[in-house]
C-alpha cells in the first residue's frame, strides 16, 4: 500500500530547509526580526553549490505533494476575501497610488470595521477551511480504500524450472563456482539436451501455466507498462523547474529591509530518460522462497551466439 505523506499547507522551500540546518548554530536569544536578518544574510552569502542542495530537496518535497494531492485550492483569509472586492474601488479613487499604499488603506478600513461587518467574511473563511480539509481527507481516504491488488506471479517456463534444479546440483558439487560460469554451464547443458530430456520440464511448465490461467483468468501481463511507470518516476525530479528565489526568502527580505527584492527564474535542464536493455528475473513469477536462488544471477544483455532462444520461446508458448 502506498504511504501518502501528510499535506503541508506551506511546503518547505529551499530557504526554510537551509534555516533548519543552521538554526542550532545560532543562539535563541534573537528577536524575530534579528533572527530573519541573520538567516537572510547567511542565505545571500551562501555559494550556489550549497544552495543547490536545498533547492533540489525543496523541489522534491513539492513534487511529492503534487504527485499525491494534485492542486488543492487553499483557504483565503477573511481580510483577503473582503479586500478582493474593495481593491478596485479604492484604486479607482486614486489611480496613481501604489499597491503598497492601497493595501495600507484597506488595512486601516478593515481595522475600523465592526465585528458584525466582518462576520460574513470570517464565515466564508471558515467555509473554505472546511472544504480544504475535506479535500485533503478525501485524497487520503481514496488511497486508504484502494488497496493494491496482490500481484499475480507468472509461472516459470521449462528452462527456469530446469535452471533452479540444476543450479542447486551444481552448487552442491562446486561450492566455489562463480555465478557467471554456472549460468553458462546450465545454458550449455540445456542446449544440448534432447526434446525427450526437456519434456518433463515442459510438462511441469504447462501444468503451472494451466493453474495460473485458472487462478487469474482476467489478468493480462504488461511488463512494458511497469517499466514505463518506473521510468516516469525516475525522471520526475529532472522535469521540475527551479526558482532560485522563493516566497519565504522574499517575505523575509521584505520584512527586514522593506525593499523590493530582485527575482530571477531559472529552469533546470532536463535530459531525456536513458533506456537500457537488461535481463531481469523480477518478472518470472517466482515464489518468495525461490528468489534467494536467483540472487547471484547477474543481469546482462551479453549472451553467446548459440544461446537457445528457440527452446526458451517454445517453452513459454
Protein backbone atom coordinates (compact mmCIF):
# COMPACT_ATOMS: atom_id res chain seq x y z
CA UNK A 1 0.00 0.00 0.00
CA UNK A 2 1.31 3.45 -0.92
CA UNK A 3 2.26 5.65 2.02
CA UNK A 4 0.61 9.03 1.44
CA UNK A 5 2.56 11.93 3.00
CA UNK A 6 0.71 14.45 5.17
CA UNK A 7 -0.41 17.55 3.28
CA UNK A 8 1.69 20.57 4.20
CA UNK A 9 -0.13 23.87 3.68
CA UNK A 10 3.22 25.63 3.47
CA UNK A 11 5.73 23.17 1.99
CA UNK A 12 9.29 23.84 2.98
CA UNK A 13 11.23 25.88 0.47
CA UNK A 14 14.96 25.77 -0.12
CA UNK A 15 15.40 28.74 2.22
CA UNK A 16 13.46 27.16 5.11
CA UNK A 17 15.38 23.91 4.67
CA UNK A 18 18.58 25.94 4.80
CA UNK A 19 17.40 27.61 8.02
CA UNK A 20 16.67 24.23 9.60
CA UNK A 21 20.29 23.19 9.18
CA UNK A 22 21.64 26.46 10.59
CA UNK A 23 19.19 27.00 13.44
CA UNK A 24 21.17 25.03 16.03
CA UNK A 25 24.24 27.14 15.29
CA UNK A 26 22.54 30.35 16.37
CA UNK A 27 21.60 31.13 19.94
CA UNK A 28 17.89 31.51 20.59
CA UNK A 29 18.39 34.98 22.03
CA UNK A 30 17.44 36.95 18.94
CA UNK A 31 14.21 38.68 18.17
CA UNK A 32 12.17 37.60 15.16
CA UNK A 33 13.47 40.50 13.08
CA UNK A 34 17.09 39.88 14.11
CA UNK A 35 16.65 36.18 13.51
CA UNK A 36 15.40 36.74 9.96
CA UNK A 37 18.15 39.23 9.19
CA UNK A 38 20.80 36.71 10.24
CA UNK A 39 19.40 33.95 8.06
CA UNK A 40 18.77 36.23 5.11
CA UNK A 41 22.40 37.30 5.29
CA UNK A 42 23.57 33.68 5.55
CA UNK A 43 21.42 32.65 2.61
CA UNK A 44 22.57 35.52 0.40
CA UNK A 45 26.22 34.75 1.14
CA UNK A 46 25.88 31.00 0.55
CA UNK A 47 27.53 29.76 -2.63
CA UNK A 48 25.35 28.37 -5.45
CA UNK A 49 26.65 24.83 -4.93
CA UNK A 50 25.40 24.72 -1.33
CA UNK A 51 22.11 26.37 -2.28
CA UNK A 52 21.55 23.74 -4.96
CA UNK A 53 21.20 21.04 -2.28
CA UNK A 54 18.32 22.86 -0.59
CA UNK A 55 16.68 23.78 -3.90
CA UNK A 56 16.74 20.17 -5.01
CA UNK A 57 15.21 18.93 -1.74
CA UNK A 58 12.54 21.66 -1.80
CA UNK A 59 11.63 20.70 -5.37
CA UNK A 60 11.43 17.04 -4.36
CA UNK A 61 9.04 17.79 -1.48
CA UNK A 62 6.89 19.96 -3.73
CA UNK A 63 6.78 17.30 -6.45
CA UNK A 64 5.91 14.57 -3.93
CA UNK A 65 3.00 16.58 -2.54
CA UNK A 66 1.74 17.44 -6.02
CA UNK A 67 2.00 13.80 -7.05
CA UNK A 68 -0.42 12.64 -4.35
CA UNK A 69 -2.69 15.65 -3.84
CA UNK A 70 -2.60 17.47 -7.16
CA UNK A 71 -3.78 21.08 -6.92
CA UNK A 72 -5.94 21.82 -3.89
CA UNK A 73 -7.11 25.43 -3.54
CA UNK A 74 -6.02 26.82 -0.19
CA UNK A 75 -8.42 28.81 2.00
CA UNK A 76 -8.27 32.59 1.85
CA UNK A 77 -8.14 34.84 4.92
CA UNK A 78 -11.20 36.93 5.76
CA UNK A 79 -9.29 40.16 5.07
CA UNK A 80 -8.21 38.94 1.63
CA UNK A 81 -11.79 37.90 0.80
CA UNK A 82 -13.02 41.37 1.71
CA UNK A 83 -10.14 43.25 0.07
CA UNK A 84 -10.59 41.40 -3.24
CA UNK A 85 -13.84 43.28 -3.79
CA UNK A 86 -12.66 46.51 -2.20
CA UNK A 87 -9.36 46.95 -4.05
CA UNK A 88 -10.90 48.14 -7.33
CA UNK A 89 -12.99 50.75 -5.54
CA UNK A 90 -10.04 52.21 -3.61
CA UNK A 91 -7.66 52.17 -6.57
CA UNK A 92 -10.31 53.96 -8.65
CA UNK A 93 -10.39 56.79 -6.12
CA UNK A 94 -6.63 57.33 -6.52
CA UNK A 95 -5.29 55.79 -9.77
CA UNK A 96 -1.73 56.96 -9.05
CA UNK A 97 -1.50 55.17 -5.68
CA UNK A 98 0.95 52.26 -5.46
CA UNK A 99 -0.06 48.74 -4.49
CA UNK A 100 1.58 49.20 -1.09
CA UNK A 101 -0.37 52.38 -0.39
CA UNK A 102 -3.68 50.82 -1.46
CA UNK A 103 -3.08 47.80 0.76
CA UNK A 104 -2.27 50.03 3.73
CA UNK A 105 -5.50 51.99 3.23
CA UNK A 106 -7.54 48.78 3.11
CA UNK A 107 -5.88 47.58 6.33
CA UNK A 108 -6.96 50.77 8.07
CA UNK A 109 -10.54 50.42 6.80
CA UNK A 110 -10.65 46.74 7.86
CA UNK A 111 -9.36 47.59 11.32
CA UNK A 112 -12.13 50.14 11.86
CA UNK A 113 -14.91 47.79 10.69
CA UNK A 114 -17.22 46.30 13.33
CA UNK A 115 -17.36 42.61 14.14
CA UNK A 116 -20.81 42.39 12.57
CA UNK A 117 -19.50 43.81 9.30
CA UNK A 118 -16.60 41.35 9.27
CA UNK A 119 -18.76 38.34 10.18
CA UNK A 120 -19.71 37.29 6.59
CA UNK A 121 -16.07 37.27 5.54
CA UNK A 122 -14.99 35.22 8.57
CA UNK A 123 -17.81 32.79 7.80
CA UNK A 124 -16.54 32.45 4.22
CA UNK A 125 -13.02 31.86 5.54
CA UNK A 126 -14.23 29.04 7.80
CA UNK A 127 -16.20 27.53 4.92
CA UNK A 128 -13.11 27.49 2.71
CA UNK A 129 -11.06 25.93 5.51
CA UNK A 130 -13.63 23.16 5.89
CA UNK A 131 -13.62 22.49 2.13
CA UNK A 132 -9.83 22.47 2.15
CA UNK A 133 -9.62 19.91 4.96
CA UNK A 134 -12.30 17.78 3.31
CA UNK A 135 -10.38 17.74 0.03
CA UNK A 136 -7.21 16.55 1.79
CA UNK A 137 -9.13 13.90 3.73
CA UNK A 138 -10.76 12.69 0.52
CA UNK A 139 -7.38 12.10 -1.11
CA UNK A 140 -6.11 10.19 1.92
CA UNK A 141 -9.25 8.06 2.12
CA UNK A 142 -9.02 7.25 -1.57
CA UNK A 143 -5.51 5.87 -1.17
CA UNK A 144 -6.53 4.08 2.01
CA UNK A 145 -9.55 2.37 0.46
CA UNK A 146 -7.94 1.50 -2.84
CA UNK A 147 -5.51 -1.08 -1.57
CA UNK A 148 -3.09 -2.55 -4.03
CA UNK A 149 -4.28 -5.73 -5.72
CA UNK A 150 -1.92 -8.63 -4.98
CA UNK A 151 0.36 -9.09 -7.95
CA UNK A 152 -0.06 -12.29 -9.88
CA UNK A 153 3.22 -14.18 -10.08
CA UNK A 154 3.86 -15.55 -13.53
CA UNK A 155 4.51 -19.29 -13.80
CA UNK A 156 8.04 -20.45 -14.54
CA UNK A 157 8.86 -21.70 -18.00
CA UNK A 158 10.56 -25.03 -18.69
CA UNK A 159 14.05 -23.59 -18.78
CA UNK A 160 13.68 -21.78 -15.43
CA UNK A 161 12.31 -24.93 -13.78
CA UNK A 162 15.35 -26.82 -15.03
CA UNK A 163 17.63 -23.92 -14.11
CA UNK A 164 16.61 -23.93 -10.44
CA UNK A 165 17.09 -27.68 -10.13
CA UNK A 166 20.42 -27.71 -11.94
CA UNK A 167 21.76 -24.73 -10.05
CA UNK A 168 21.17 -26.48 -6.73
CA UNK A 169 23.00 -29.54 -8.03
CA UNK A 170 25.99 -27.55 -9.28
CA UNK A 171 26.12 -25.54 -6.07
CA UNK A 172 26.45 -28.73 -4.03
CA UNK A 173 29.11 -30.21 -6.31
CA UNK A 174 31.09 -26.99 -6.89
CA UNK A 175 30.64 -24.69 -3.93
CA UNK A 176 33.19 -22.17 -5.23
CA UNK A 177 31.86 -21.93 -8.79
CA UNK A 178 31.20 -18.37 -9.96
CA UNK A 179 27.69 -17.26 -10.81
CA UNK A 180 28.52 -16.34 -14.39
CA UNK A 181 30.30 -19.64 -15.01
CA UNK A 182 27.38 -21.56 -13.53
CA UNK A 183 24.88 -19.77 -15.76
CA UNK A 184 26.91 -20.55 -18.87
CA UNK A 185 27.22 -24.19 -17.85
CA UNK A 186 23.48 -24.55 -17.30
CA UNK A 187 22.70 -22.90 -20.63
CA UNK A 188 25.16 -25.21 -22.39
CA UNK A 189 23.62 -28.32 -20.83
CA UNK A 190 20.09 -27.18 -21.66
CA UNK A 191 21.01 -26.51 -25.26
CA UNK A 192 22.48 -29.97 -25.72
CA UNK A 193 19.53 -31.76 -24.13
CA UNK A 194 17.16 -33.67 -26.39
CA UNK A 195 13.45 -32.95 -26.61
CA UNK A 196 12.68 -36.08 -24.61
CA UNK A 197 15.00 -34.90 -21.83
CA UNK A 198 13.33 -31.49 -21.79
CA UNK A 199 9.84 -32.98 -21.90
CA UNK A 200 9.38 -33.37 -18.08
CA UNK A 201 10.20 -29.70 -17.53
CA UNK A 202 7.91 -28.60 -20.34
CA UNK A 203 5.08 -30.68 -18.89
CA UNK A 204 5.63 -29.08 -15.49
CA UNK A 205 5.67 -25.63 -17.08
CA UNK A 206 2.39 -26.39 -18.87
CA UNK A 207 0.84 -27.57 -15.61
CA UNK A 208 1.88 -24.37 -13.82
CA UNK A 209 0.55 -22.25 -16.67
CA UNK A 210 -2.80 -24.07 -16.60
CA UNK A 211 -3.14 -23.47 -12.86
CA UNK A 212 -2.13 -19.85 -13.36
CA UNK A 213 -4.75 -19.28 -16.07
CA UNK A 214 -7.46 -20.77 -13.85
CA UNK A 215 -6.46 -18.68 -10.85
CA UNK A 216 -6.04 -15.42 -12.78
CA UNK A 217 -8.33 -15.69 -15.83
CA UNK A 218 -8.62 -11.92 -16.32
CA UNK A 219 -5.01 -10.98 -15.64
CA UNK A 220 -3.05 -9.63 -18.58
CA UNK A 221 0.67 -9.35 -18.10
CA UNK A 222 2.05 -5.99 -19.31
CA UNK A 223 5.76 -5.72 -18.44
CA UNK A 224 6.18 -2.66 -20.67
CA UNK A 225 3.68 -0.71 -18.53
CA UNK A 226 5.65 -1.38 -15.33
CA UNK A 227 8.92 -0.35 -16.98
CA UNK A 228 7.35 2.86 -18.30
CA UNK A 229 5.98 3.74 -14.85
CA UNK A 230 9.42 3.25 -13.32
CA UNK A 231 10.99 5.47 -15.96
CA UNK A 232 8.41 8.19 -15.34
CA UNK A 233 9.07 8.13 -11.58
CA UNK A 234 12.84 8.30 -12.08
CA UNK A 235 12.59 11.40 -14.29
CA UNK A 236 10.16 13.41 -12.11
CA UNK A 237 12.91 15.45 -10.48
CA UNK A 238 14.56 16.11 -13.84
CA UNK A 239 11.38 17.75 -15.13
CA UNK A 240 10.96 20.19 -12.23
CA UNK A 241 11.50 23.88 -12.83
CA UNK A 242 13.64 25.51 -10.15
CA UNK A 243 13.33 29.08 -8.93
CA UNK A 244 16.42 30.48 -7.16
CA UNK A 245 14.39 32.91 -5.09
CA UNK A 246 11.36 31.63 -3.21
CA UNK A 247 8.44 33.23 -1.41
CA UNK A 248 9.83 32.74 2.09
CA UNK A 249 13.10 34.45 1.24
CA UNK A 250 11.25 37.31 -0.44
CA UNK A 251 8.99 37.80 2.58
CA UNK A 252 11.96 37.71 4.94
CA UNK A 253 13.89 40.32 2.96
CA UNK A 254 10.77 42.48 2.72
CA UNK A 255 10.27 42.30 6.49
CA UNK A 256 13.85 43.22 7.35
CA UNK A 257 14.58 45.81 4.66
CA UNK A 258 11.10 46.83 3.32
CA UNK A 259 12.63 46.90 -0.12
CA UNK A 260 11.58 45.08 -3.24
CA UNK A 261 13.73 42.03 -3.87
CA UNK A 262 15.01 41.17 -7.27
CA UNK A 263 13.85 37.88 -8.60
CA UNK A 264 15.14 35.80 -11.47
CA UNK A 265 13.83 32.47 -12.67
CA UNK A 266 15.99 29.73 -13.95
CA UNK A 267 14.95 26.43 -15.39
CA UNK A 268 16.98 23.32 -14.72
CA UNK A 269 17.96 21.44 -17.81
CA UNK A 270 16.24 18.10 -18.18
CA UNK A 271 17.57 15.24 -20.16
CA UNK A 272 15.63 12.56 -21.90
CA UNK A 273 15.46 9.29 -19.95
CA UNK A 274 18.03 6.75 -20.98
CA UNK A 275 16.53 3.42 -21.88
CA UNK A 276 18.62 0.35 -21.22
CA UNK A 277 18.05 -3.29 -22.09
CA UNK A 278 18.70 -5.72 -19.33
CA UNK A 279 17.73 -9.26 -18.49
CA UNK A 280 15.51 -9.19 -15.42
CA UNK A 281 14.32 -12.06 -13.24
CA UNK A 282 11.82 -9.85 -11.40
CA UNK A 283 9.03 -10.78 -13.82
CA UNK A 284 9.37 -14.56 -13.70
CA UNK A 285 6.65 -15.02 -11.10
CA UNK A 286 8.81 -16.84 -8.57
CA UNK A 287 7.72 -17.51 -5.03
CA UNK A 288 9.39 -15.59 -2.23
CA UNK A 289 11.40 -18.62 -1.13
CA UNK A 290 12.66 -19.09 -4.67
CA UNK A 291 14.00 -15.58 -5.08
CA UNK A 292 17.03 -16.34 -2.97
CA UNK A 293 18.06 -18.92 -5.55
CA UNK A 294 18.36 -16.17 -8.15
CA UNK A 295 20.15 -13.58 -6.06
CA UNK A 296 23.52 -14.40 -7.59
CA UNK A 297 22.39 -14.19 -11.20
CA UNK A 298 23.97 -11.19 -12.87
CA UNK A 299 21.61 -9.45 -15.35
CA UNK A 300 23.27 -8.83 -18.71
CA UNK A 301 22.43 -8.41 -22.37
CA UNK A 302 25.61 -10.14 -23.46
CA UNK A 303 24.77 -13.70 -24.46
CA UNK A 304 26.54 -16.21 -26.60
CA UNK A 305 25.62 -16.50 -30.25
CA UNK A 306 24.45 -20.07 -29.69
CA UNK A 307 22.07 -19.18 -26.82
CA UNK A 308 18.97 -21.47 -27.09
CA UNK A 309 16.42 -18.72 -27.70
CA UNK A 310 14.19 -21.04 -29.72
CA UNK A 311 13.89 -23.55 -26.88
CA UNK A 312 13.11 -20.78 -24.40
CA UNK A 313 10.42 -19.27 -26.61
CA UNK A 314 8.85 -22.65 -27.28
CA UNK A 315 8.66 -23.40 -23.56
CA UNK A 316 6.80 -20.13 -22.97
CA UNK A 317 4.21 -20.61 -25.71
